[in-house]
Amino acid sequence: MQIRDAEVRDLPEITEIHNDAVRKTTAIWTEVVIDIEDRRTWLADREKAGYPVLVAVSDDGKVLGFATFGDWRTKEGYRYTVEHSVYIRSECRGAGIGRALMAILIDRARAIGKHAMVAAIEASNIESIRLHERLDFEHAGQLREVGTKFGRWLDLAFMQLVLDPRPYPESTDAR
């Protein structure tokens, strides 16, 4: 498996993985599938913002999963915090692909000076919560019944990873 930056040629498979999660899971809280043009705009927006979109690719070139991060909130006070997403092809889950993507994604966030990474996870998604715990994310709270999908209320668990020990936001002293 290789992990690299996503390219336009990866968009059909990224779209397929995204739409599978929309149709079959509560990882994405919408029932609206997207098309490749949506993902083309999304990729361009991430690149313009300087944010990565990573893909895990098999030896034969198949996209096994993807991961990215973006602004957690748009106000300037949140500029050092990002929220990430990681999605793995359904038949490949549990094989360490998500962990490998996340490790590189975390390094990329640190490299551009981000201080915190936030995960918003549907609270019954124990596999995702365990993955984040193994990556040293801490539980930061839970909101009850704030979403809905498949005819039921969903709770949202927040997890957080502090990426560096800066004592102040503008400090470059990471001792």
C-alpha atoms as a PDB file:
ATOM      1  CA  MET A   1       0.000   0.000   0.000  1.00  0.00           C
ATOM      2  CA  GLN A   2       1.144   3.526  -0.787  1.00  0.00           C
ATOM      3  CA  ILE A   3      -0.141   6.743   0.769  1.00  0.00           C
ATOM      4  CA  ARG A   4       0.088   9.837  -1.372  1.00  0.00           C
ATOM      5  CA  ASP A   5      -1.655  13.109  -2.126  1.00  0.00           C
ATOM      6  CA  ALA A   6      -4.906  12.642  -4.004  1.00  0.00           C
ATOM      7  CA  GLU A   7      -5.053  13.531  -7.665  1.00  0.00           C
ATOM      8  CA  VAL A   8      -7.939  14.255 -10.005  1.00  0.00           C
ATOM      9  CA  ARG A   9      -7.659  10.693 -11.345  1.00  0.00           C
ATOM     10  CA  ASP A  10      -8.600   9.418  -7.850  1.00  0.00           C
ATOM     11  CA  LEU A  11     -11.900  11.284  -7.715  1.00  0.00           C
ATOM     12  CA  PRO A  12     -14.130   8.492  -9.117  1.00  0.00           C
ATOM     13  CA  GLU A  13     -12.982   6.115  -6.373  1.00  0.00           C
ATOM     14  CA  ILE A  14     -13.048   8.798  -3.668  1.00  0.00           C
ATOM     15  CA  THR A  15     -16.623   9.584  -4.738  1.00  0.00           C
ATOM     16  CA  GLU A  16     -17.522   5.884  -4.646  1.00  0.00           C
ATOM     17  CA  ILE A  17     -16.109   5.456  -1.116  1.00  0.00           C
ATOM     18  CA  HIS A  18     -17.873   8.619   0.083  1.00  0.00           C
ATOM     19  CA  ASN A  19     -21.212   7.596  -1.410  1.00  0.00           C
ATOM     20  CA  ASP A  20     -20.958   4.087   0.055  1.00  0.00           C
ATOM     21  CA  ALA A  21     -20.569   5.684   3.490  1.00  0.00           C
ATOM     22  CA  VAL A  22     -23.573   7.930   2.780  1.00  0.00           C
ATOM     23  CA  ARG A  23     -25.758   4.992   1.741  1.00  0.00           C
ATOM     24  CA  LYS A  24     -24.731   2.446   4.371  1.00  0.00           C
ATOM     25  CA  THR A  25     -23.325   4.164   7.482  1.00  0.00           C
ATOM     26  CA  THR A  26     -23.932   6.952   9.949  1.00  0.00           C
ATOM     27  CA  ALA A  27     -20.402   8.289   9.430  1.00  0.00           C
ATOM     28  CA  ILE A  28     -21.762  11.021   7.138  1.00  0.00           C
ATOM     29  CA  TRP A  29     -24.996  12.616   8.310  1.00  0.00           C
ATOM     30  CA  THR A  30     -26.708  13.022   4.991  1.00  0.00           C
ATOM     31  CA  GLU A  31     -28.576  10.726   2.662  1.00  0.00           C
ATOM     32  CA  VAL A  32     -27.616  12.744  -0.413  1.00  0.00           C
ATOM     33  CA  VAL A  33     -24.969  11.166  -2.614  1.00  0.00           C
ATOM     34  CA  ILE A  34     -22.546  13.401  -4.489  1.00  0.00           C
ATOM     35  CA  ASP A  35     -21.025  13.331  -7.952  1.00  0.00           C
ATOM     36  CA  ILE A  36     -17.471  13.636  -9.204  1.00  0.00           C
ATOM     37  CA  GLU A  37     -17.916  17.368  -9.901  1.00  0.00           C
ATOM     38  CA  ASP A  38     -18.699  17.896  -6.227  1.00  0.00           C
ATOM     39  CA  ARG A  39     -15.483  16.088  -5.294  1.00  0.00           C
ATOM     40  CA  ARG A  40     -13.537  18.035  -7.939  1.00  0.00           C
ATOM     41  CA  THR A  41     -14.598  21.309  -6.301  1.00  0.00           C
ATOM     42  CA  TRP A  42     -13.889  19.859  -2.848  1.00  0.00           C
ATOM     43  CA  LEU A  43     -10.368  18.783  -3.857  1.00  0.00           C
ATOM     44  CA  ALA A  44      -9.649  22.175  -5.427  1.00  0.00           C
ATOM     45  CA  ASP A  45     -10.907  23.960  -2.296  1.00  0.00           C
ATOM     46  CA  ARG A  46      -8.692  21.819  -0.039  1.00  0.00           C
ATOM     47  CA  GLU A  47      -5.654  22.427  -2.247  1.00  0.00           C
ATOM     48  CA  LYS A  48      -6.350  26.176  -2.339  1.00  0.00           C
ATOM     49  CA  ALA A  49      -6.519  26.248   1.471  1.00  0.00           C
ATOM     50  CA  GLY A  50      -3.243  24.327   1.707  1.00  0.00           C
ATOM     51  CA  TYR A  51      -4.931  21.309   3.251  1.00  0.00           C
ATOM     52  CA  PRO A  52      -4.099  17.751   2.246  1.00  0.00           C
ATOM     53  CA  VAL A  53      -6.290  15.080   0.772  1.00  0.00           C
ATOM     54  CA  LEU A  54      -4.483  11.774   1.134  1.00  0.00           C
ATOM     55  CA  VAL A  55      -5.293   8.471  -0.523  1.00  0.00           C
ATOM     56  CA  ALA A  56      -4.185   4.971   0.397  1.00  0.00           C
ATOM     57  CA  VAL A  57      -3.626   3.057  -2.818  1.00  0.00           C
ATOM     58  CA  SER A  58      -3.107  -0.678  -3.326  1.00  0.00           C
ATOM     59  CA  ASP A  59      -0.200  -2.043  -5.344  1.00  0.00           C
ATOM     60  CA  ASP A  60      -2.517  -2.334  -8.343  1.00  0.00           C
ATOM     61  CA  GLY A  61      -3.617   1.308  -8.060  1.00  0.00           C
ATOM     62  CA  LYS A  62      -7.008   0.900  -6.351  1.00  0.00           C
ATOM     63  CA  VAL A  63      -7.935   3.644  -3.860  1.00  0.00           C
ATOM     64  CA  LEU A  64      -8.530   1.906  -0.541  1.00  0.00           C
ATOM     65  CA  GLY A  65      -9.394   5.006   1.479  1.00  0.00           C
ATOM     66  CA  PHE A  66      -8.892   8.721   1.844  1.00  0.00           C
ATOM     67  CA  ALA A  67      -8.351  11.263   4.597  1.00  0.00           C
ATOM     68  CA  THR A  68      -8.338  15.031   4.833  1.00  0.00           C
ATOM     69  CA  PHE A  69      -8.750  17.910   7.209  1.00  0.00           C
ATOM     70  CA  GLY A  70     -10.189  21.375   7.001  1.00  0.00           C
ATOM     71  CA  ASP A  71     -11.019  24.327   9.170  1.00  0.00           C
ATOM     72  CA  TRP A  72     -12.968  23.326  12.239  1.00  0.00           C
ATOM     73  CA  ARG A  73     -14.780  26.656  12.268  1.00  0.00           C
ATOM     74  CA  THR A  74     -14.393  29.705  10.050  1.00  0.00           C
ATOM     75  CA  LYS A  75     -13.789  32.425  12.656  1.00  0.00           C
ATOM     76  CA  GLU A  76     -10.129  33.459  13.003  1.00  0.00           C
ATOM     77  CA  GLY A  77      -9.986  32.433  16.646  1.00  0.00           C
ATOM     78  CA  TYR A  78     -10.190  28.809  15.498  1.00  0.00           C
ATOM     79  CA  ARG A  79      -7.370  29.120  12.914  1.00  0.00           C
ATOM     80  CA  TYR A  80      -5.092  26.655  14.713  1.00  0.00           C
ATOM     81  CA  THR A  81      -7.720  23.906  14.889  1.00  0.00           C
ATOM     82  CA  VAL A  82      -8.728  21.483  12.146  1.00  0.00           C
ATOM     83  CA  GLU A  83     -11.355  18.770  11.876  1.00  0.00           C
ATOM     84  CA  HIS A  84     -10.494  15.667   9.938  1.00  0.00           C
ATOM     85  CA  SER A  85     -12.291  12.967   7.994  1.00  0.00           C
ATOM     86  CA  VAL A  86     -11.116   9.478   7.120  1.00  0.00           C
ATOM     87  CA  TYR A  87     -13.066   6.985   5.013  1.00  0.00           C
ATOM     88  CA  ILE A  88     -12.035   3.476   4.073  1.00  0.00           C
ATOM     89  CA  ARG A  89     -13.494   1.228   1.385  1.00  0.00           C
ATOM     90  CA  SER A  90     -15.956  -1.036   3.231  1.00  0.00           C
ATOM     91  CA  GLU A  91     -14.201  -4.312   2.391  1.00  0.00           C
ATOM     92  CA  CYS A  92     -10.856  -2.897   3.601  1.00  0.00           C
ATOM     93  CA  ARG A  93     -11.854  -1.643   7.052  1.00  0.00           C
ATOM     94  CA  GLY A  94      -9.958  -3.025  10.017  1.00  0.00           C
ATOM     95  CA  ALA A  95      -6.734  -3.567   8.058  1.00  0.00           C
ATOM     96  CA  GLY A  96      -4.823  -0.572   9.476  1.00  0.00           C
ATOM     97  CA  ILE A  97      -5.434   1.725   6.511  1.00  0.00           C
ATOM     98  CA  GLY A  98      -7.253   4.359   8.568  1.00  0.00           C
ATOM     99  CA  ARG A  99      -4.478   4.415  11.151  1.00  0.00           C
ATOM    100  CA  ALA A 100      -1.801   4.792   8.454  1.00  0.00           C
ATOM    101  CA  LEU A 101      -3.697   7.636   6.777  1.00  0.00           C
ATOM    102  CA  MET A 102      -4.309   9.349  10.110  1.00  0.00           C
ATOM    103  CA  ALA A 103      -0.641   9.172  11.160  1.00  0.00           C
ATOM    104  CA  ILE A 104       0.393  11.062   8.021  1.00  0.00           C
ATOM    105  CA  LEU A 105      -2.549  13.457   8.300  1.00  0.00           C
ATOM    106  CA  ILE A 106      -1.537  14.326  11.877  1.00  0.00           C
ATOM    107  CA  ASP A 107       2.037  14.960  10.737  1.00  0.00           C
ATOM    108  CA  ARG A 108       0.762  17.223   7.958  1.00  0.00           C
ATOM    109  CA  ALA A 109      -1.323  19.246  10.424  1.00  0.00           C
ATOM    110  CA  ARG A 110       1.690  19.701  12.670  1.00  0.00           C
ATOM    111  CA  ALA A 111       3.853  20.714   9.707  1.00  0.00           C
ATOM    112  CA  ILE A 112       1.574  23.636   8.848  1.00  0.00           C
ATOM    113  CA  GLY A 113       1.381  24.882  12.432  1.00  0.00           C
ATOM    114  CA  LYS A 114      -1.973  23.538  13.567  1.00  0.00           C
ATOM    115  CA  HIS A 115      -2.375  23.118  17.309  1.00  0.00           C
ATOM    116  CA  ALA A 116      -5.404  20.847  17.660  1.00  0.00           C
ATOM    117  CA  MET A 117      -7.252  18.267  15.590  1.00  0.00           C
ATOM    118  CA  VAL A 118     -10.904  17.513  16.284  1.00  0.00           C
ATOM    119  CA  ALA A 119     -12.831  14.354  15.471  1.00  0.00           C
ATOM    120  CA  ALA A 120     -16.630  14.396  15.357  1.00  0.00           C
ATOM    121  CA  ILE A 121     -17.766  10.762  15.449  1.00  0.00           C
ATOM    122  CA  GLU A 122     -21.220   9.217  15.562  1.00  0.00           C
ATOM    123  CA  ALA A 123     -21.173   7.998  19.150  1.00  0.00           C
ATOM    124  CA  SER A 124     -21.998   4.344  18.433  1.00  0.00           C
ATOM    125  CA  ASN A 125     -19.103   4.025  15.967  1.00  0.00           C
ATOM    126  CA  ILE A 126     -16.901   2.162  18.426  1.00  0.00           C
ATOM    127  CA  GLU A 127     -14.343   1.176  15.770  1.00  0.00           C
ATOM    128  CA  SER A 128     -13.652   4.828  14.937  1.00  0.00           C
ATOM    129  CA  ILE A 129     -13.539   5.818  18.599  1.00  0.00           C
ATOM    130  CA  ARG A 130     -11.020   3.035  19.318  1.00  0.00           C
ATOM    131  CA  LEU A 131      -8.898   4.088  16.334  1.00  0.00           C
ATOM    132  CA  HIS A 132      -8.759   7.633  17.666  1.00  0.00           C
ATOM    133  CA  GLU A 133      -7.913   6.440  21.168  1.00  0.00           C
ATOM    134  CA  ARG A 134      -4.976   4.445  19.736  1.00  0.00           C
ATOM    135  CA  LEU A 135      -3.790   7.663  18.083  1.00  0.00           C
ATOM    136  CA  ASP A 136      -3.885   9.473  21.472  1.00  0.00           C
ATOM    137  CA  PHE A 137      -7.066  11.452  20.853  1.00  0.00           C
ATOM    138  CA  GLU A 138      -8.899  12.236  24.082  1.00  0.00           C
ATOM    139  CA  HIS A 139     -12.638  12.242  24.629  1.00  0.00           C
ATOM    140  CA  ALA A 140     -13.836  15.846  24.696  1.00  0.00           C
ATOM    141  CA  GLY A 141     -17.583  15.475  25.105  1.00  0.00           C
ATOM    142  CA  GLN A 142     -20.766  14.209  23.549  1.00  0.00           C
ATOM    143  CA  LEU A 143     -23.872  15.894  22.211  1.00  0.00           C
ATOM    144  CA  ARG A 144     -27.051  13.853  22.472  1.00  0.00           C
ATOM    145  CA  GLU A 145     -29.563  13.497  19.654  1.00  0.00           C
ATOM    146  CA  VAL A 146     -28.145  16.307  17.510  1.00  0.00           C
ATOM    147  CA  GLY A 147     -28.476  14.454  14.209  1.00  0.00           C
ATOM    148  CA  THR A 148     -30.661  11.956  12.439  1.00  0.00           C
ATOM    149  CA  LYS A 149     -30.255   9.307   9.795  1.00  0.00           C
ATOM    150  CA  PHE A 150     -32.004   6.055   8.934  1.00  0.00           C
ATOM    151  CA  GLY A 151     -34.979   7.092  11.071  1.00  0.00           C
ATOM    152  CA  ARG A 152     -33.174   7.461  14.383  1.00  0.00           C
ATOM    153  CA  TRP A 153     -31.517  10.134  16.497  1.00  0.00           C
ATOM    154  CA  LEU A 154     -27.737  10.231  16.506  1.00  0.00           C
ATOM    155  CA  ASP A 155     -25.336  11.335  19.223  1.00  0.00           C
ATOM    156  CA  LEU A 156     -22.101  13.084  18.306  1.00  0.00           C
ATOM    157  CA  ALA A 157     -18.905  12.258  20.194  1.00  0.00           C
ATOM    158  CA  PHE A 158     -16.042  14.733  20.090  1.00  0.00           C
ATOM    159  CA  MET A 159     -12.433  13.679  20.410  1.00  0.00           C
ATOM    160  CA  GLN A 160      -9.387  15.911  20.311  1.00  0.00           C
ATOM    161  CA  LEU A 161      -5.658  15.651  19.801  1.00  0.00           C
ATOM    162  CA  VAL A 162      -3.390  18.498  20.868  1.00  0.00           C
ATOM    163  CA  LEU A 163      -0.682  18.531  18.217  1.00  0.00           C
ATOM    164  CA  ASP A 164       2.026  20.582  19.922  1.00  0.00           C
ATOM    165  CA  PRO A 165       2.961  21.972  23.339  1.00  0.00           C
ATOM    166  CA  ARG A 166       2.950  25.691  22.409  1.00  0.00           C
ATOM    167  CA  PRO A 167       2.139  27.708  25.523  1.00  0.00           C
ATOM    168  CA  TYR A 168       0.620  30.561  23.468  1.00  0.00           C
ATOM    169  CA  PRO A 169      -0.998  30.652  20.022  1.00  0.00           C
ATOM    170  CA  GLU A 170       1.619  32.820  18.326  1.00  0.00           C
ATOM    171  CA  SER A 171       4.553  31.139  20.054  1.00  0.00           C
ATOM    172  CA  THR A 172       7.117  29.314  17.965  1.00  0.00           C
ATOM    173  CA  ASP A 173       8.690  27.958  21.128  1.00  0.00           C
ATOM    174  CA  ALA A 174       7.522  24.348  21.221  1.00  0.00           C
ATOM    175  CA  ARG A 175       9.536  23.307  24.283  1.00  0.00           C
END
